[in-house]
PDB file of N, CA and C in Angstrom:
ATOM      1  N   MET A   1    -159.164  -0.534  10.937  1.00  0.00           N
ATOM      2  CA  MET A   1    -158.948  -1.095  12.240  1.00  0.00           C
ATOM      3  C   MET A   1    -158.519  -2.482  12.113  1.00  0.00           C
ATOM      4  N   PRO A   2    -159.053  -3.412  11.319  1.00  0.00           N
ATOM      5  CA  PRO A   2    -158.592  -4.656  11.202  1.00  0.00           C
ATOM      6  C   PRO A   2    -157.133  -4.829  10.729  1.00  0.00           C
ATOM      7  N   PHE A   3    -156.684  -3.801  10.012  1.00  0.00           N
ATOM      8  CA  PHE A   3    -155.307  -3.815   9.584  1.00  0.00           C
ATOM      9  C   PHE A   3    -154.401  -3.517  10.865  1.00  0.00           C
ATOM     10  N   ARG A   4    -154.835  -2.737  11.786  1.00  0.00           N
ATOM     11  CA  ARG A   4    -153.991  -2.377  12.946  1.00  0.00           C
ATOM     12  C   ARG A   4    -154.036  -3.719  13.894  1.00  0.00           C
ATOM     13  N   ALA A   5    -155.101  -4.321  13.898  1.00  0.00           N
ATOM     14  CA  ALA A   5    -155.183  -5.560  14.822  1.00  0.00           C
ATOM     15  C   ALA A   5    -154.242  -6.656  14.222  1.00  0.00           C
ATOM     16  N   VAL A   6    -154.313  -6.766  12.896  1.00  0.00           N
ATOM     17  CA  VAL A   6    -153.473  -7.773  12.285  1.00  0.00           C
ATOM     18  C   VAL A   6    -151.998  -7.483  12.477  1.00  0.00           C
ATOM     19  N   ALA A   7    -151.635  -6.222  12.268  1.00  0.00           N
ATOM     20  CA  ALA A   7    -150.255  -5.716  12.450  1.00  0.00           C
ATOM     21  C   ALA A   7    -149.802  -5.977  13.832  1.00  0.00           C
ATOM     22  N   ALA A   8    -150.654  -5.600  14.853  1.00  0.00           N
ATOM     23  CA  ALA A   8    -150.336  -5.743  16.299  1.00  0.00           C
ATOM     24  C   ALA A   8    -150.139  -7.295  16.644  1.00  0.00           C
ATOM     25  N   CYS A   9    -150.972  -8.160  16.121  1.00  0.00           N
ATOM     26  CA  CYS A   9    -150.795  -9.567  16.311  1.00  0.00           C
ATOM     27  C   CYS A   9    -149.557 -10.156  15.732  1.00  0.00           C
ATOM     28  N   LEU A  10    -149.250  -9.576  14.536  1.00  0.00           N
ATOM     29  CA  LEU A  10    -147.965 -10.042  13.850  1.00  0.00           C
ATOM     30  C   LEU A  10    -146.754  -9.547  14.708  1.00  0.00           C
ATOM     31  N   LEU A  11    -146.719  -8.310  15.197  1.00  0.00           N
ATOM     32  CA  LEU A  11    -145.731  -7.944  16.119  1.00  0.00           C
ATOM     33  C   LEU A  11    -145.567  -8.704  17.358  1.00  0.00           C
ATOM     34  N   VAL A  12    -146.605  -9.089  17.915  1.00  0.00           N
ATOM     35  CA  VAL A  12    -146.683  -9.893  19.090  1.00  0.00           C
ATOM     36  C   VAL A  12    -146.090 -11.266  18.856  1.00  0.00           C
ATOM     37  N   LEU A  13    -146.529 -11.839  17.745  1.00  0.00           N
ATOM     38  CA  LEU A  13    -146.045 -13.246  17.446  1.00  0.00           C
ATOM     39  C   LEU A  13    -144.607 -13.197  16.958  1.00  0.00           C
ATOM     40  N   LEU A  14    -144.101 -12.208  16.262  1.00  0.00           N
ATOM     41  CA  LEU A  14    -142.833 -12.220  15.674  1.00  0.00           C
ATOM     42  C   LEU A  14    -141.754 -11.664  16.666  1.00  0.00           C
ATOM     43  N   ALA A  15    -142.128 -11.077  17.733  1.00  0.00           N
ATOM     44  CA  ALA A  15    -141.185 -10.465  18.703  1.00  0.00           C
ATOM     45  C   ALA A  15    -140.263 -11.578  19.233  1.00  0.00           C
ATOM     46  N   PRO A  16    -140.822 -12.752  19.637  1.00  0.00           N
ATOM     47  CA  PRO A  16    -139.805 -13.802  20.176  1.00  0.00           C
ATOM     48  C   PRO A  16    -138.827 -14.164  19.165  1.00  0.00           C
ATOM     49  N   LEU A  17    -139.210 -14.235  17.899  1.00  0.00           N
ATOM     50  CA  LEU A  17    -138.289 -14.617  16.868  1.00  0.00           C
ATOM     51  C   LEU A  17    -137.212 -13.560  16.653  1.00  0.00           C
ATOM     52  N   ALA A  18    -137.497 -12.300  16.761  1.00  0.00           N
ATOM     53  CA  ALA A  18    -136.605 -11.242  16.577  1.00  0.00           C
ATOM     54  C   ALA A  18    -135.655 -11.269  17.745  1.00  0.00           C
ATOM     55  N   LEU A  19    -136.149 -11.524  18.930  1.00  0.00           N
ATOM     56  CA  LEU A  19    -135.295 -11.462  20.074  1.00  0.00           C
ATOM     57  C   LEU A  19    -134.384 -12.646  20.075  1.00  0.00           C
ATOM     58  N   ALA A  20    -134.752 -13.776  19.435  1.00  0.00           N
ATOM     59  CA  ALA A  20    -133.973 -14.973  19.431  1.00  0.00           C
ATOM     60  C   ALA A  20    -132.747 -14.710  18.551  1.00  0.00           C
ATOM     61  N   GLY A  21    -132.841 -13.937  17.526  1.00  0.00           N
ATOM     62  CA  GLY A  21    -131.737 -13.605  16.697  1.00  0.00           C
ATOM     63  C   GLY A  21    -130.655 -12.903  17.363  1.00  0.00           C
ATOM     64  N   GLU A  22    -131.012 -12.005  18.421  1.00  0.00           N
ATOM     65  CA  GLU A  22    -130.025 -11.245  19.154  1.00  0.00           C
ATOM     66  C   GLU A  22    -129.393 -12.208  20.221  1.00  0.00           C
ATOM     67  N   ARG A  23    -128.072 -12.236  20.243  1.00  0.00           N
ATOM     68  CA  ARG A  23    -127.406 -13.018  21.330  1.00  0.00           C
ATOM     69  C   ARG A  23    -126.921 -12.101  22.407  1.00  0.00           C
ATOM     70  N   PRO A  24    -127.155 -12.306  23.573  1.00  0.00           N
ATOM     71  CA  PRO A  24    -126.733 -11.486  24.632  1.00  0.00           C
ATOM     72  C   PRO A  24    -125.200 -11.559  24.703  1.00  0.00           C
ATOM     73  N   GLN A  25    -124.517 -10.442  24.974  1.00  0.00           N
ATOM     74  CA  GLN A  25    -123.125 -10.327  25.108  1.00  0.00           C
ATOM     75  C   GLN A  25    -122.699 -11.002  26.400  1.00  0.00           C
ATOM     76  N   ALA A  26    -121.862 -12.016  26.252  1.00  0.00           N
ATOM     77  CA  ALA A  26    -121.390 -12.814  27.437  1.00  0.00           C
ATOM     78  C   ALA A  26    -120.214 -11.960  28.133  1.00  0.00           C
ATOM     79  N   ALA A  27    -120.394 -11.986  29.515  1.00  0.00           N
ATOM     80  CA  ALA A  27    -119.329 -11.231  30.266  1.00  0.00           C
ATOM     81  C   ALA A  27    -118.144 -12.115  30.150  1.00  0.00           C
ATOM     82  N   PRO A  28    -116.926 -11.442  30.203  1.00  0.00           N
ATOM     83  CA  PRO A  28    -115.600 -12.228  30.228  1.00  0.00           C
ATOM     84  C   PRO A  28    -115.553 -13.180  31.413  1.00  0.00           C
ATOM     85  N   VAL A  29    -115.163 -14.404  31.185  1.00  0.00           N
ATOM     86  CA  VAL A  29    -115.033 -15.385  32.216  1.00  0.00           C
ATOM     87  C   VAL A  29    -113.812 -15.249  32.877  1.00  0.00           C
ATOM     88  N   PRO A  30    -113.775 -15.047  34.156  1.00  0.00           N
ATOM     89  CA  PRO A  30    -112.512 -14.873  34.933  1.00  0.00           C
ATOM     90  C   PRO A  30    -111.898 -16.289  34.878  1.00  0.00           C
ATOM     91  N   ALA A  31    -110.532 -16.217  34.929  1.00  0.00           N
ATOM     92  CA  ALA A  31    -109.713 -17.447  34.922  1.00  0.00           C
ATOM     93  C   ALA A  31    -109.959 -18.254  36.241  1.00  0.00           C
ATOM     94  N   PRO A  32    -110.050 -19.530  36.130  1.00  0.00           N
ATOM     95  CA  PRO A  32    -110.201 -20.270  37.378  1.00  0.00           C
ATOM     96  C   PRO A  32    -108.973 -20.111  38.323  1.00  0.00           C
ATOM     97  N   ALA A  33    -109.245 -20.295  39.549  1.00  0.00           N
ATOM     98  CA  ALA A  33    -108.181 -20.040  40.592  1.00  0.00           C
ATOM     99  C   ALA A  33    -106.930 -20.951  40.334  1.00  0.00           C
ATOM    100  N   ALA A  34    -107.162 -22.180  39.884  1.00  0.00           N
ATOM    101  CA  ALA A  34    -105.942 -23.073  39.617  1.00  0.00           C
ATOM    102  C   ALA A  34    -105.168 -22.469  38.498  1.00  0.00           C
ATOM    103  N   ASP A  35    -105.794 -21.984  37.372  1.00  0.00           N
ATOM    104  CA  ASP A  35    -105.104 -21.368  36.332  1.00  0.00           C
ATOM    105  C   ASP A  35    -104.299 -20.155  36.726  1.00  0.00           C
ATOM    106  N   ARG A  36    -104.973 -19.321  37.549  1.00  0.00           N
ATOM    107  CA  ARG A  36    -104.323 -18.212  38.092  1.00  0.00           C
ATOM    108  C   ARG A  36    -103.058 -18.536  38.937  1.00  0.00           C
ATOM    109  N   GLN A  37    -103.167 -19.566  39.778  1.00  0.00           N
ATOM    110  CA  GLN A  37    -102.003 -20.005  40.528  1.00  0.00           C
ATOM    111  C   GLN A  37    -100.926 -20.493  39.678  1.00  0.00           C
ATOM    112  N   LYS A  38    -101.204 -21.224  38.646  1.00  0.00           N
ATOM    113  CA  LYS A  38    -100.256 -21.802  37.711  1.00  0.00           C
ATOM    114  C   LYS A  38     -99.532 -20.702  37.010  1.00  0.00           C
ATOM    115  N   LEU A  39    -100.299 -19.601  36.568  1.00  0.00           N
ATOM    116  CA  LEU A  39     -99.750 -18.385  35.905  1.00  0.00           C
ATOM    117  C   LEU A  39     -98.738 -17.676  36.800  1.00  0.00           C
ATOM    118  N   ASP A  40     -99.233 -17.417  38.110  1.00  0.00           N
ATOM    119  CA  ASP A  40     -98.410 -16.806  39.044  1.00  0.00           C
ATOM    120  C   ASP A  40     -97.120 -17.580  39.365  1.00  0.00           C
ATOM    121  N   ALA A  41     -97.143 -18.882  39.406  1.00  0.00           N
ATOM    122  CA  ALA A  41     -96.033 -19.725  39.562  1.00  0.00           C
ATOM    123  C   ALA A  41     -95.077 -19.638  38.417  1.00  0.00           C
ATOM    124  N   LEU A  42     -95.652 -19.587  37.314  1.00  0.00           N
ATOM    125  CA  LEU A  42     -94.779 -19.496  36.060  1.00  0.00           C
ATOM    126  C   LEU A  42     -94.104 -18.151  35.965  1.00  0.00           C
ATOM    127  N   ARG A  43     -94.783 -17.147  36.326  1.00  0.00           N
ATOM    128  CA  ARG A  43     -94.293 -15.800  36.381  1.00  0.00           C
ATOM    129  C   ARG A  43     -93.136 -15.705  37.392  1.00  0.00           C
ATOM    130  N   GLY A  44     -93.358 -16.324  38.552  1.00  0.00           N
ATOM    131  CA  GLY A  44     -92.268 -16.387  39.641  1.00  0.00           C
ATOM    132  C   GLY A  44     -91.058 -17.082  39.118  1.00  0.00           C
ATOM    133  N   GLN A  45     -91.308 -18.216  38.467  1.00  0.00           N
ATOM    134  CA  GLN A  45     -90.203 -19.068  37.885  1.00  0.00           C
ATOM    135  C   GLN A  45     -89.474 -18.253  36.811  1.00  0.00           C
ATOM    136  N   GLU A  46     -90.144 -17.501  35.956  1.00  0.00           N
ATOM    137  CA  GLU A  46     -89.545 -16.650  34.951  1.00  0.00           C
ATOM    138  C   GLU A  46     -88.620 -15.638  35.551  1.00  0.00           C
ATOM    139  N   LYS A  47     -89.077 -14.962  36.647  1.00  0.00           N
ATOM    140  CA  LYS A  47     -88.354 -13.979  37.239  1.00  0.00           C
ATOM    141  C   LYS A  47     -87.026 -14.573  37.915  1.00  0.00           C
ATOM    142  N   HIS A  48     -87.246 -15.767  38.458  1.00  0.00           N
ATOM    143  CA  HIS A  48     -86.022 -16.419  39.085  1.00  0.00           C
ATOM    144  C   HIS A  48     -85.077 -16.844  37.919  1.00  0.00           C
ATOM    145  N   GLU A  49     -85.528 -17.373  36.809  1.00  0.00           N
ATOM    146  CA  GLU A  49     -84.606 -17.706  35.618  1.00  0.00           C
ATOM    147  C   GLU A  49     -83.933 -16.502  35.141  1.00  0.00           C
ATOM    148  N   ASP A  50     -84.691 -15.411  35.024  1.00  0.00           N
ATOM    149  CA  ASP A  50     -84.081 -14.116  34.556  1.00  0.00           C
ATOM    150  C   ASP A  50     -82.926 -13.699  35.491  1.00  0.00           C
ATOM    151  N   ALA A  51     -83.207 -13.766  36.802  1.00  0.00           N
ATOM    152  CA  ALA A  51     -82.138 -13.437  37.769  1.00  0.00           C
ATOM    153  C   ALA A  51     -80.844 -14.379  37.598  1.00  0.00           C
ATOM    154  N   ARG A  52     -81.165 -15.624  37.383  1.00  0.00           N
ATOM    155  CA  ARG A  52     -80.045 -16.581  37.221  1.00  0.00           C
ATOM    156  C   ARG A  52     -79.216 -16.325  35.955  1.00  0.00           C
ATOM    157  N   VAL A  53     -79.984 -15.991  34.879  1.00  0.00           N
ATOM    158  CA  VAL A  53     -79.275 -15.690  33.665  1.00  0.00           C
ATOM    159  C   VAL A  53     -78.417 -14.429  33.831  1.00  0.00           C
ATOM    160  N   ASP A  54     -78.975 -13.391  34.533  1.00  0.00           N
ATOM    161  CA  ASP A  54     -78.106 -12.260  34.820  1.00  0.00           C
ATOM    162  C   ASP A  54     -76.792 -12.513  35.617  1.00  0.00           C
ATOM    163  N   GLN A  55     -76.909 -13.459  36.634  1.00  0.00           N
ATOM    164  CA  GLN A  55     -75.845 -13.900  37.402  1.00  0.00           C
ATOM    165  C   GLN A  55     -74.823 -14.645  36.562  1.00  0.00           C
ATOM    166  N   LEU A  56     -75.349 -15.507  35.677  1.00  0.00           N
ATOM    167  CA  LEU A  56     -74.371 -16.229  34.797  1.00  0.00           C
ATOM    168  C   LEU A  56     -73.684 -15.236  33.885  1.00  0.00           C
ATOM    169  N   ARG A  57     -74.349 -14.329  33.283  1.00  0.00           N
ATOM    170  CA  ARG A  57     -73.840 -13.300  32.411  1.00  0.00           C
ATOM    171  C   ARG A  57     -72.684 -12.565  33.041  1.00  0.00           C
ATOM    172  N   THR A  58     -72.976 -12.119  34.288  1.00  0.00           N
ATOM    173  CA  THR A  58     -71.964 -11.497  35.111  1.00  0.00           C
ATOM    174  C   THR A  58     -70.769 -12.371  35.360  1.00  0.00           C
ATOM    175  N   ARG A  59     -71.014 -13.663  35.628  1.00  0.00           N
ATOM    176  CA  ARG A  59     -69.952 -14.630  35.852  1.00  0.00           C
ATOM    177  C   ARG A  59     -69.042 -14.811  34.532  1.00  0.00           C
ATOM    178  N   VAL A  60     -69.721 -14.819  33.502  1.00  0.00           N
ATOM    179  CA  VAL A  60     -69.027 -14.997  32.227  1.00  0.00           C
ATOM    180  C   VAL A  60     -68.232 -13.827  31.957  1.00  0.00           C
ATOM    181  N   ASP A  61     -68.763 -12.644  32.095  1.00  0.00           N
ATOM    182  CA  ASP A  61     -67.936 -11.405  32.004  1.00  0.00           C
ATOM    183  C   ASP A  61     -66.755 -11.357  32.880  1.00  0.00           C
ATOM    184  N   THR A  62     -66.860 -11.807  34.104  1.00  0.00           N
ATOM    185  CA  THR A  62     -65.821 -11.818  35.015  1.00  0.00           C
ATOM    186  C   THR A  62     -64.706 -12.811  34.491  1.00  0.00           C
ATOM    187  N   LEU A  63     -65.125 -14.001  34.125  1.00  0.00           N
ATOM    188  CA  LEU A  63     -64.126 -14.969  33.638  1.00  0.00           C
ATOM    189  C   LEU A  63     -63.430 -14.558  32.326  1.00  0.00           C
ATOM    190  N   GLU A  64     -64.167 -13.862  31.478  1.00  0.00           N
ATOM    191  CA  GLU A  64     -63.583 -13.368  30.258  1.00  0.00           C
ATOM    192  C   GLU A  64     -62.504 -12.263  30.533  1.00  0.00           C
ATOM    193  N   SER A  65     -62.787 -11.387  31.582  1.00  0.00           N
ATOM    194  CA  SER A  65     -61.880 -10.421  31.949  1.00  0.00           C
ATOM    195  C   SER A  65     -60.611 -11.108  32.641  1.00  0.00           C
ATOM    196  N   ASP A  66     -60.845 -12.030  33.467  1.00  0.00           N
ATOM    197  CA  ASP A  66     -59.743 -12.795  34.092  1.00  0.00           C
ATOM    198  C   ASP A  66     -58.864 -13.492  33.086  1.00  0.00           C
ATOM    199  N   SER A  67     -59.542 -14.034  31.993  1.00  0.00           N
ATOM    200  CA  SER A  67     -58.764 -14.756  30.958  1.00  0.00           C
ATOM    201  C   SER A  67     -57.943 -13.842  30.171  1.00  0.00           C
ATOM    202  N   LYS A  68     -58.454 -12.634  29.839  1.00  0.00           N
ATOM    203  CA  LYS A  68     -57.600 -11.727  29.061  1.00  0.00           C
ATOM    204  C   LYS A  68     -56.530 -11.175  29.988  1.00  0.00           C
ATOM    205  N   ALA A  69     -56.721 -10.969  31.307  1.00  0.00           N
ATOM    206  CA  ALA A  69     -55.661 -10.488  32.048  1.00  0.00           C
ATOM    207  C   ALA A  69     -54.578 -11.652  32.189  1.00  0.00           C
ATOM    208  N   THR A  70     -54.931 -12.868  32.290  1.00  0.00           N
ATOM    209  CA  THR A  70     -54.097 -13.965  32.379  1.00  0.00           C
ATOM    210  C   THR A  70     -53.241 -14.060  31.083  1.00  0.00           C
ATOM    211  N   SER A  71     -53.964 -13.909  30.012  1.00  0.00           N
ATOM    212  CA  SER A  71     -53.217 -13.963  28.717  1.00  0.00           C
ATOM    213  C   SER A  71     -52.166 -12.842  28.615  1.00  0.00           C
ATOM    214  N   ARG A  72     -52.478 -11.655  28.954  1.00  0.00           N
ATOM    215  CA  ARG A  72     -51.540 -10.579  29.073  1.00  0.00           C
ATOM    216  C   ARG A  72     -50.314 -10.906  29.834  1.00  0.00           C
ATOM    217  N   ASP A  73     -50.601 -11.473  31.120  1.00  0.00           N
ATOM    218  CA  ASP A  73     -49.495 -11.832  31.982  1.00  0.00           C
ATOM    219  C   ASP A  73     -48.634 -12.958  31.328  1.00  0.00           C
ATOM    220  N   ILE A  74     -49.189 -13.930  30.632  1.00  0.00           N
ATOM    221  CA  ILE A  74     -48.444 -14.970  30.064  1.00  0.00           C
ATOM    222  C   ILE A  74     -47.564 -14.420  28.966  1.00  0.00           C
ATOM    223  N   GLU A  75     -48.161 -13.485  28.161  1.00  0.00           N
ATOM    224  CA  GLU A  75     -47.435 -12.859  27.041  1.00  0.00           C
ATOM    225  C   GLU A  75     -46.237 -12.055  27.711  1.00  0.00           C
ATOM    226  N   LYS A  76     -46.476 -11.288  28.726  1.00  0.00           N
ATOM    227  CA  LYS A  76     -45.415 -10.587  29.413  1.00  0.00           C
ATOM    228  C   LYS A  76     -44.300 -11.445  29.863  1.00  0.00           C
ATOM    229  N   ARG A  77     -44.662 -12.699  30.526  1.00  0.00           N
ATOM    230  CA  ARG A  77     -43.719 -13.590  31.016  1.00  0.00           C
ATOM    231  C   ARG A  77     -42.872 -14.260  29.823  1.00  0.00           C
ATOM    232  N   ASP A  78     -43.650 -14.520  28.734  1.00  0.00           N
ATOM    233  CA  ASP A  78     -42.815 -15.123  27.576  1.00  0.00           C
ATOM    234  C   ASP A  78     -41.860 -14.141  27.019  1.00  0.00           C
ATOM    235  N   ARG A  79     -42.185 -12.883  27.000  1.00  0.00           N
ATOM    236  CA  ARG A  79     -41.273 -11.833  26.507  1.00  0.00           C
ATOM    237  C   ARG A  79     -40.121 -11.778  27.478  1.00  0.00           C
ATOM    238  N   LYS A  80     -40.325 -11.833  28.749  1.00  0.00           N
ATOM    239  CA  LYS A  80     -39.342 -11.713  29.800  1.00  0.00           C
ATOM    240  C   LYS A  80     -38.376 -12.977  29.588  1.00  0.00           C
ATOM    241  N   ILE A  81     -38.926 -14.141  29.468  1.00  0.00           N
ATOM    242  CA  ILE A  81     -38.083 -15.355  29.228  1.00  0.00           C
ATOM    243  C   ILE A  81     -37.230 -15.245  27.917  1.00  0.00           C
ATOM    244  N   ALA A  82     -37.838 -14.753  26.869  1.00  0.00           N
ATOM    245  CA  ALA A  82     -37.097 -14.558  25.647  1.00  0.00           C
ATOM    246  C   ALA A  82     -35.944 -13.584  25.756  1.00  0.00           C
ATOM    247  N   GLU A  83     -36.169 -12.510  26.528  1.00  0.00           N
ATOM    248  CA  GLU A  83     -35.137 -11.559  26.808  1.00  0.00           C
ATOM    249  C   GLU A  83     -34.125 -12.182  27.691  1.00  0.00           C
ATOM    250  N   LEU A  84     -34.421 -12.911  28.698  1.00  0.00           N
ATOM    251  CA  LEU A  84     -33.344 -13.501  29.515  1.00  0.00           C
ATOM    252  C   LEU A  84     -32.573 -14.489  28.743  1.00  0.00           C
ATOM    253  N   ARG A  85     -33.190 -15.303  27.813  1.00  0.00           N
ATOM    254  CA  ARG A  85     -32.428 -16.201  26.988  1.00  0.00           C
ATOM    255  C   ARG A  85     -31.447 -15.454  26.155  1.00  0.00           C
ATOM    256  N   ARG A  86     -31.844 -14.401  25.524  1.00  0.00           N
ATOM    257  CA  ARG A  86     -30.963 -13.647  24.624  1.00  0.00           C
ATOM    258  C   ARG A  86     -29.787 -13.182  25.490  1.00  0.00           C
ATOM    259  N   GLN A  87     -30.039 -12.689  26.720  1.00  0.00           N
ATOM    260  CA  GLN A  87     -29.025 -12.232  27.562  1.00  0.00           C
ATOM    261  C   GLN A  87     -28.093 -13.414  27.939  1.00  0.00           C
ATOM    262  N   LEU A  88     -28.601 -14.530  28.214  1.00  0.00           N
ATOM    263  CA  LEU A  88     -27.820 -15.675  28.567  1.00  0.00           C
ATOM    264  C   LEU A  88     -26.944 -16.133  27.353  1.00  0.00           C
ATOM    265  N   GLU A  89     -27.568 -16.192  26.237  1.00  0.00           N
ATOM    266  CA  GLU A  89     -26.761 -16.589  25.004  1.00  0.00           C
ATOM    267  C   GLU A  89     -25.628 -15.510  24.754  1.00  0.00           C
ATOM    268  N   ALA A  90     -25.904 -14.332  24.960  1.00  0.00           N
ATOM    269  CA  ALA A  90     -24.937 -13.265  24.693  1.00  0.00           C
ATOM    270  C   ALA A  90     -23.812 -13.300  25.751  1.00  0.00           C
ATOM    271  N   SER A  91     -24.134 -13.672  26.957  1.00  0.00           N
ATOM    272  CA  SER A  91     -23.100 -13.784  27.846  1.00  0.00           C
ATOM    273  C   SER A  91     -22.256 -15.053  27.773  1.00  0.00           C
ATOM    274  N   GLN A  92     -22.880 -16.080  27.250  1.00  0.00           N
ATOM    275  CA  GLN A  92     -22.140 -17.348  27.028  1.00  0.00           C
ATOM    276  C   GLN A  92     -21.326 -17.199  25.751  1.00  0.00           C
ATOM    277  N   GLY A  93     -21.717 -16.377  24.920  1.00  0.00           N
ATOM    278  CA  GLY A  93     -20.998 -16.206  23.552  1.00  0.00           C
ATOM    279  C   GLY A  93     -19.673 -15.399  23.759  1.00  0.00           C
ATOM    280  N   LYS A  94     -19.602 -14.676  24.831  1.00  0.00           N
ATOM    281  CA  LYS A  94     -18.435 -13.780  25.073  1.00  0.00           C
ATOM    282  C   LYS A  94     -17.193 -14.562  25.578  1.00  0.00           C
TER     283      LYS A  94
END
């Protein structure tokens, strides 16, 4: 019986030490409201910038198409001018 009493006393005395080694799991800390507002503002700004980038890409595509069309028109005009010069030189040579 003294053995049981000593064992029980030891368990009672060592229990706080055993519990001290275990750390309770901390619950996730929610972000403060100010941080949440900043995050929401940044996400809104990101969406706005993405929309602006899409608009600029569309504008660049339009300008490139217009540039190509203008280049084709200039080449066509230059060929026409060259043909008219040949005709003029041929008519003056007669």
